[in-house]
Amino acid sequence: MEPDIIPEEHLQEKLNEIFKTWPPHPSGDIYYTDLPTLAQQIDKSARIIDVGCGLNLYKQHFVNLIGIDPATDEADYKVTVEEFVTNQRFEIAFCFGSINYGSESRVKTQIAKTVDLLEPENTIYWRQRPYIKDNPYHNRVQVFDWTLEKNKEFCQYFGYTLDQYETEPNTRVYAKWIKSNT
């Protein structure tokens, strides 16, 4: 018998429990969103919001990075993206595995809140994890099934261009959304 999926009203509590002890990604496990790759693409003084920053590892390179995460003490602010309030606007958002859980409505709400934190011209870098039936965590929490079609749909809805979409060998998806006034 398969375990029951945790109800959405208790989802954040369960995610915090899971990710409080989540290990950092092993070297070589990620390709498009590893620090050396991003450091070549992004000015180290760019204003960045790291949504779901985990251990806040990117802060060592990007001097104007603010990390938010409800599960880890290493975050600059221990809050969800929905709870985070600031007057500051950012040029870039990192969403590396953080906006991945719950219903489409929940995911859309989290994207909208992230977009509200950004300058009118901005870039969102994504590491998305599509639903994997045999993953034990995916059988306990509702995982949003990121697809190319969903990326295109959300880009259109939020006014972005899907600049890049790649599937990494470890089943993660890398996406880069760009919003410009031109």
Foldseek 3Di string as FASTA:
>chain_A
DFDDADDPVCQLVVVLVVLLPDDPDDPPPDDCPDQVNVPVVDPLAFQEEEAQCRLVVNCVRRVNYAYEDLRYPNGNHNDHLVPDDDPAAGQEYEAEAPLWFDDPVSSLVSVVSNVVRHDQWHKYKYWYAAQDVPDSVCSHTPTHGDDPVVVVVSCVVSVWDFPDWDQDPVRIIITMTTHDPD
